Each structure stands twice: as structure tokens, then as C-alpha cells.
């Protein structure tokens, strides 16, 4: 995790990654309960380790998806 400490993303990429991350969490868990989603982003006290390692994977995959595919696009009707 040392490498990640020096990596930065823009606010826009972070926002777009958040959308992908929440979508992936919902698709994999079936939960739309915001408390379930947010509890995955916590850290163990006194460490740099995420409390939910799967949620960390959703996040890193979401950043990679934004960088590869761009933002999720929704057509206006």
C-alpha cells in the first residue's frame, strides 16, 4: 500500500470512480443500503488497512475502469 500513498487522482476521476465502485458493490452484494456501502470504506483503527478488503478491490478496479473507459454515460430522455 506504500505505492498508493504517492498516487493522486483528480476530483472528477474520484467522483466517476465512486459511481463505478457503488455500482460494483450493489451488483455483487445486492445491497442498496447506504450504511452497508459506507461501512466498507472504513479502516481498522491504527492501521492503513481497509476494514473490507473486497471494497478496496471495488475501489481500485473502479479507478482503473474510469481510466480505461471514461465516465458512466447516461442518456437524457
C-alpha atoms as a PDB file:
ATOM      1  CA  UNK A   1       0.000   0.000   0.000  1.00  0.00           C
ATOM      2  CA  UNK A   2       3.065   2.258   0.193  1.00  0.00           C
ATOM      3  CA  UNK A   3       2.900   2.965  -3.548  1.00  0.00           C
ATOM      4  CA  UNK A   4      -0.702   4.154  -3.297  1.00  0.00           C
ATOM      5  CA  UNK A   5       0.270   6.869  -0.820  1.00  0.00           C
ATOM      6  CA  UNK A   6       2.064   8.757  -3.589  1.00  0.00           C
ATOM      7  CA  UNK A   7      -0.682   8.327  -6.217  1.00  0.00           C
ATOM      8  CA  UNK A   8      -3.176  11.111  -6.838  1.00  0.00           C
ATOM      9  CA  UNK A   9      -6.357  11.296  -8.886  1.00  0.00           C
ATOM     10  CA  UNK A  10      -8.428  14.319  -9.824  1.00  0.00           C
ATOM     11  CA  UNK A  11     -11.715  15.157  -8.140  1.00  0.00           C
ATOM     12  CA  UNK A  12     -13.512  14.254 -11.374  1.00  0.00           C
ATOM     13  CA  UNK A  13     -11.848  10.829 -11.636  1.00  0.00           C
ATOM     14  CA  UNK A  14     -12.587  10.234  -7.938  1.00  0.00           C
ATOM     15  CA  UNK A  15     -16.259  11.071  -8.445  1.00  0.00           C
ATOM     16  CA  UNK A  16     -16.527   8.857 -11.514  1.00  0.00           C
ATOM     17  CA  UNK A  17     -14.710   6.034  -9.709  1.00  0.00           C
ATOM     18  CA  UNK A  18     -17.099   6.380  -6.769  1.00  0.00           C
ATOM     19  CA  UNK A  19     -20.042   5.788  -9.120  1.00  0.00           C
ATOM     20  CA  UNK A  20     -18.426   2.668 -10.584  1.00  0.00           C
ATOM     21  CA  UNK A  21     -17.487   1.463  -7.106  1.00  0.00           C
ATOM     22  CA  UNK A  22     -21.019   1.808  -5.728  1.00  0.00           C
ATOM     23  CA  UNK A  23     -22.429   0.117  -8.828  1.00  0.00           C
ATOM     24  CA  UNK A  24     -20.000  -2.816  -8.471  1.00  0.00           C
ATOM     25  CA  UNK A  25     -20.808  -3.156  -4.757  1.00  0.00           C
ATOM     26  CA  UNK A  26     -24.535  -3.187  -5.497  1.00  0.00           C
ATOM     27  CA  UNK A  27     -24.155  -5.716  -8.332  1.00  0.00           C
ATOM     28  CA  UNK A  28     -22.033  -8.053  -6.194  1.00  0.00           C
ATOM     29  CA  UNK A  29     -23.924  -7.752  -2.918  1.00  0.00           C
ATOM     30  CA  UNK A  30     -27.467  -6.858  -3.937  1.00  0.00           C
ATOM     31  CA  UNK A  31     -27.474  -4.289  -1.128  1.00  0.00           C
ATOM     32  CA  UNK A  32     -28.667  -0.752  -1.723  1.00  0.00           C
ATOM     33  CA  UNK A  33     -28.398   0.118   1.973  1.00  0.00           C
ATOM     34  CA  UNK A  34     -26.099   3.123   2.208  1.00  0.00           C
ATOM     35  CA  UNK A  35     -24.835   2.055   5.639  1.00  0.00           C
ATOM     36  CA  UNK A  36     -23.643  -1.254   4.142  1.00  0.00           C
ATOM     37  CA  UNK A  37     -21.866   0.572   1.346  1.00  0.00           C
ATOM     38  CA  UNK A  38     -20.224   3.172   3.578  1.00  0.00           C
ATOM     39  CA  UNK A  39     -19.129   0.674   6.223  1.00  0.00           C
ATOM     40  CA  UNK A  40     -16.943  -0.990   3.576  1.00  0.00           C
ATOM     41  CA  UNK A  41     -14.831   2.129   3.292  1.00  0.00           C
ATOM     42  CA  UNK A  42     -13.676   2.291   6.898  1.00  0.00           C
ATOM     43  CA  UNK A  43     -10.185   1.429   8.137  1.00  0.00           C
ATOM     44  CA  UNK A  44      -9.117  -0.749  11.028  1.00  0.00           C
ATOM     45  CA  UNK A  45      -8.157   1.573  13.887  1.00  0.00           C
ATOM     46  CA  UNK A  46      -4.432   2.257  13.999  1.00  0.00           C
ATOM     47  CA  UNK A  47      -3.709   0.804  10.550  1.00  0.00           C
ATOM     48  CA  UNK A  48      -3.793   1.740   6.887  1.00  0.00           C
ATOM     49  CA  UNK A  49      -5.750  -1.430   6.123  1.00  0.00           C
ATOM     50  CA  UNK A  50      -9.323  -1.125   4.842  1.00  0.00           C
ATOM     51  CA  UNK A  51     -11.838  -2.929   7.041  1.00  0.00           C
ATOM     52  CA  UNK A  52     -13.303  -4.591   3.946  1.00  0.00           C
ATOM     53  CA  UNK A  53     -10.628  -5.745   1.507  1.00  0.00           C
ATOM     54  CA  UNK A  54     -13.269  -6.532  -1.137  1.00  0.00           C
ATOM     55  CA  UNK A  55     -14.469  -2.917  -1.013  1.00  0.00           C
ATOM     56  CA  UNK A  56     -10.864  -1.798  -1.589  1.00  0.00           C
ATOM     57  CA  UNK A  57     -10.794  -4.011  -4.682  1.00  0.00           C
ATOM     58  CA  UNK A  58     -14.039  -2.425  -5.937  1.00  0.00           C
ATOM     59  CA  UNK A  59     -12.421   0.982  -5.486  1.00  0.00           C
ATOM     60  CA  UNK A  60      -9.147   0.213  -7.269  1.00  0.00           C
ATOM     61  CA  UNK A  61     -10.998  -1.542 -10.096  1.00  0.00           C
ATOM     62  CA  UNK A  62     -13.310   1.464 -10.405  1.00  0.00           C
ATOM     63  CA  UNK A  63     -10.371   3.847 -10.803  1.00  0.00           C
ATOM     64  CA  UNK A  64      -8.895   1.565 -13.468  1.00  0.00           C
ATOM     65  CA  UNK A  65     -12.278   1.434 -15.229  1.00  0.00           C
ATOM     66  CA  UNK A  66     -12.553   5.238 -15.321  1.00  0.00           C
ATOM     67  CA  UNK A  67      -9.042   5.471 -16.713  1.00  0.00           C
ATOM     68  CA  UNK A  68      -9.773   2.798 -19.374  1.00  0.00           C
ATOM     69  CA  UNK A  69     -13.425   3.505 -20.267  1.00  0.00           C
ATOM     70  CA  UNK A  70     -14.145   7.022 -19.049  1.00  0.00           C
ATOM     71  CA  UNK A  71     -17.216   8.028 -17.044  1.00  0.00           C
ATOM     72  CA  UNK A  72     -20.535   6.200 -16.981  1.00  0.00           C
ATOM     73  CA  UNK A  73     -22.756   7.851 -19.567  1.00  0.00           C
ATOM     74  CA  UNK A  74     -26.482   8.232 -19.086  1.00  0.00           C
ATOM     75  CA  UNK A  75     -28.582   9.417 -21.978  1.00  0.00           C
ATOM     76  CA  UNK A  76     -31.114  12.153 -21.293  1.00  0.00           C
ATOM     77  CA  UNK A  77     -34.605  11.292 -22.426  1.00  0.00           C
END
